[in-house]
Amino acid sequence: MLTLPAFLVAIALLIAIHEYGHYRMAVACGVKVLRFSIGFGKPLLRWQATPTSTEFVLALFPVGGFVKMLDEREGPVEPALKHMAFNTQSLRRRAAIVAAGPAANLLLAVLLYALVNWMGVLLPEAILSPPPAASLAAKAGLVGGERVLRMGATGAELTQVESFEDVRWALTRGAMDGEDVSLVVAGSSNTERELQLPLSTLESSQVDAELFRSIGIAMPLTRPTMGELQADGAAALAGLREGDEVQSVDGQPIIDGQQLRSVIRNSASQGQAKTQRWKVLRGDQLLELSVTPKTVLDGGQTIGRIGGFVGSRPAMVTVSYGPLDGLWRGVTQTWDISVLTLKMMGKMLVGQASIKNISGPLTIADYAGKSAGMGVIQYLTFLALVSVSLGVLNLLPLPVLDGGHLMYYLWEGATGKPVSERWMERLQQGGIALLILMMSIALFNDLSRLLG
């Protein structure tokens, strides 16, 4: 229900901010703006203070926008207004007007992240679940239940970890940069120890769940309790009840919900599920039950299922910052995500990352609806992330984007003469073709995610 409204609000707002950046800079540089439009197609609303002032328009399709300025290349200009035409401005002013759109999106992201930091967000605590046996985390000595205190690139100063999101971000950045990551953890005895994860040995072609599973840190610790059970499921038939906390399975201690789910799935690794001995805590009573998971096919693989929800919500912590700290963190978050986006694009360009990382409008709409349904904080965070992406994307040196126009001005500044009309036309055609290709890949990825 929320997907379409949340998507349209997000797109309209981010485009409006982008075009407003162009508009305000143009006005500040003395350029006459003829029309400020949000959307394309038939105008739904118009407003104009005077017959000679800027016309503001809300059009039928709010999936784009534009700022139309007075320009001799697009029509005749009265001699008295020639000094207000875009094409007569200095190179510095023209570049500032073009760059102001992406800059407005990046500034919006800073403010949105700062707002989230000031309001405070509820996040999972940085307590680790047991890692898979062959993962980097297991080889480094992590067993699960440790709390991450500090983390960062090996050899650099480690930063304080506030939540599990900080852990995921540090791992993502380390994997993308090909850098080893060090972390200081504390176990049940509160004794601190420092470990190193050799992320430089991993292939980071795609930052997804598989990458985090290879590292061995995919999810925060959750209590291995039983949730809602199906009446005819293996769990209910074995005598399990909602609220039971699993202590061990076949003598193996269980401390985490994800660990228990893996044990259940792997019970059918030989093609037929085997009966397991479960020790569960029900109130103050310790019980031993025999559970035989049912076998099902999942993606061509036979796995075990018990017909019930396994695991509880992880321990949560509210993370908030003061006025200056929150604003500075907004700046660093925007910068870090911008750099990560550019690095991922660079890796895709040279074939070191999968083009499956490209997302399109369907994925954005899906995330918009989900984030809006989760609350204001999550929706603001989503808006900030998309605003960063929009700002960075528009700075790419493609002729049809703001970054392409900035490349023209760079050429003009270096050679003393503008790009010729003939070359401009060729570059525009190439840029449009490349943009259509990127949009087609993004749409294909969207459909692949949604359908399979």
Foldseek 3Di string as FASTA:
>chain_A
DQLVVLLLVLQQVLQLLLQVQLVVLLVVQQAAWAEWEQADDAFPDWDDPDPRHYIYTYHDGRNHIHIHTAAVVVHDDDPVCVVNHLVPDDLVSNLSSLLRSLVSLLVLLLVLQLVLQAVWDKAFFQWFAAFDCQALCVVQPDGTRKGWAWKAFPPDDTDGDGHNVVVLLRLLVCLLVLTKMKTWIAHPVRDIDITIRRSNVDQPQDPDQVSCNNNRGRDHFFFFFWADFDCPFQCVVQPHDGGKGWQAKQPHGHGGQVVVQVVQFCCCQVVAHDWIWIWICDPPDTDITITTFGWDADPNGITGDGGTDTTDDHDIDIRHDDNVVSSVVSSVVLVSLLVSVVSSVVCVVVVSHDLLVAAASLVLSVLSSVQVVVHDSSNSNSSSNVSSVVSSVLLPCQLVGSVVVVVQSVVCVVPVHGDDPVVSVVSNVVSVVVVVVSNVSNVVSSCVVVVD
